[in-house]
Amino acid sequence: MFRGCGEFLDIKMLDHIIVAGETGDMFSMKSEGMMPSFHRKD
C-alpha cells in the first residue's frame, strides 16, 4: 500500500529499516537484498 502511494506521489522507497526496541538490533531490507535498486534518471 505505501509503495503504491509513494509511486503515485513520485516518492521512491530506498530502504526499510526495522529497529528492535529493547535490544536496538537493526534490520535493513536493502542490505539483505530485499529492496529493488533505483537509479536516478537525470
C-alpha atoms as a PDB file:
ATOM      1  CA  MET A   1       0.000   0.000   0.000  1.00  0.00           C
ATOM      2  CA  PHE A   2       2.685   2.528   0.970  1.00  0.00           C
ATOM      3  CA  ARG A   3       4.745   1.734  -2.091  1.00  0.00           C
ATOM      4  CA  GLY A   4       1.748   2.396  -4.345  1.00  0.00           C
ATOM      5  CA  CYS A   5       1.121   5.726  -2.613  1.00  0.00           C
ATOM      6  CA  GLY A   6       4.777   6.637  -2.975  1.00  0.00           C
ATOM      7  CA  GLU A   7       4.747   5.823  -6.674  1.00  0.00           C
ATOM      8  CA  PHE A   8       1.628   7.953  -7.123  1.00  0.00           C
ATOM      9  CA  LEU A   9       3.427  10.890  -5.466  1.00  0.00           C
ATOM     10  CA  ASP A  10       6.724  10.072  -7.283  1.00  0.00           C
ATOM     11  CA  ILE A  11       8.463   9.225  -3.969  1.00  0.00           C
ATOM     12  CA  LYS A  12      10.812   6.250  -4.081  1.00  0.00           C
ATOM     13  CA  MET A  13      11.246   3.937  -1.088  1.00  0.00           C
ATOM     14  CA  LEU A  14      15.006   3.406  -0.875  1.00  0.00           C
ATOM     15  CA  ASP A  15      15.138   1.242   2.255  1.00  0.00           C
ATOM     16  CA  HIS A  16      13.007  -0.062   5.101  1.00  0.00           C
ATOM     17  CA  ILE A  17      14.771  -0.314   8.450  1.00  0.00           C
ATOM     18  CA  ILE A  18      13.387  -2.183  11.452  1.00  0.00           C
ATOM     19  CA  VAL A  19      14.849  -1.382  14.899  1.00  0.00           C
ATOM     20  CA  ALA A  20      14.181  -3.666  17.877  1.00  0.00           C
ATOM     21  CA  GLY A  21      13.002  -1.686  20.909  1.00  0.00           C
ATOM     22  CA  GLU A  22      14.848  -3.308  23.816  1.00  0.00           C
ATOM     23  CA  THR A  23      17.952  -4.649  22.084  1.00  0.00           C
ATOM     24  CA  GLY A  24      18.447  -1.914  19.487  1.00  0.00           C
ATOM     25  CA  ASP A  25      19.169  -4.528  16.805  1.00  0.00           C
ATOM     26  CA  MET A  26      18.603  -3.226  13.280  1.00  0.00           C
ATOM     27  CA  PHE A  27      17.480  -4.944  10.075  1.00  0.00           C
ATOM     28  CA  SER A  28      17.799  -3.251   6.696  1.00  0.00           C
ATOM     29  CA  MET A  29      15.801  -4.740   3.836  1.00  0.00           C
ATOM     30  CA  LYS A  30      18.117  -3.032   1.326  1.00  0.00           C
ATOM     31  CA  SER A  31      21.220  -4.587   2.919  1.00  0.00           C
ATOM     32  CA  GLU A  32      19.554  -8.002   2.738  1.00  0.00           C
ATOM     33  CA  GLY A  33      18.775  -7.555  -0.975  1.00  0.00           C
ATOM     34  CA  MET A  34      15.025  -7.318  -0.378  1.00  0.00           C
ATOM     35  CA  MET A  35      14.568  -3.832  -1.898  1.00  0.00           C
ATOM     36  CA  PRO A  36      14.901  -3.043  -5.596  1.00  0.00           C
ATOM     37  CA  SER A  37      17.662  -0.698  -6.684  1.00  0.00           C
ATOM     38  CA  PHE A  38      16.611   2.659  -8.027  1.00  0.00           C
ATOM     39  CA  HIS A  39      18.752   4.632 -10.435  1.00  0.00           C
ATOM     40  CA  ARG A  40      18.300   8.349 -10.895  1.00  0.00           C
ATOM     41  CA  LYS A  41      17.076   9.478 -14.283  1.00  0.00           C
ATOM     42  CA  ASP A  42      18.615  12.904 -14.918  1.00  0.00           C
END
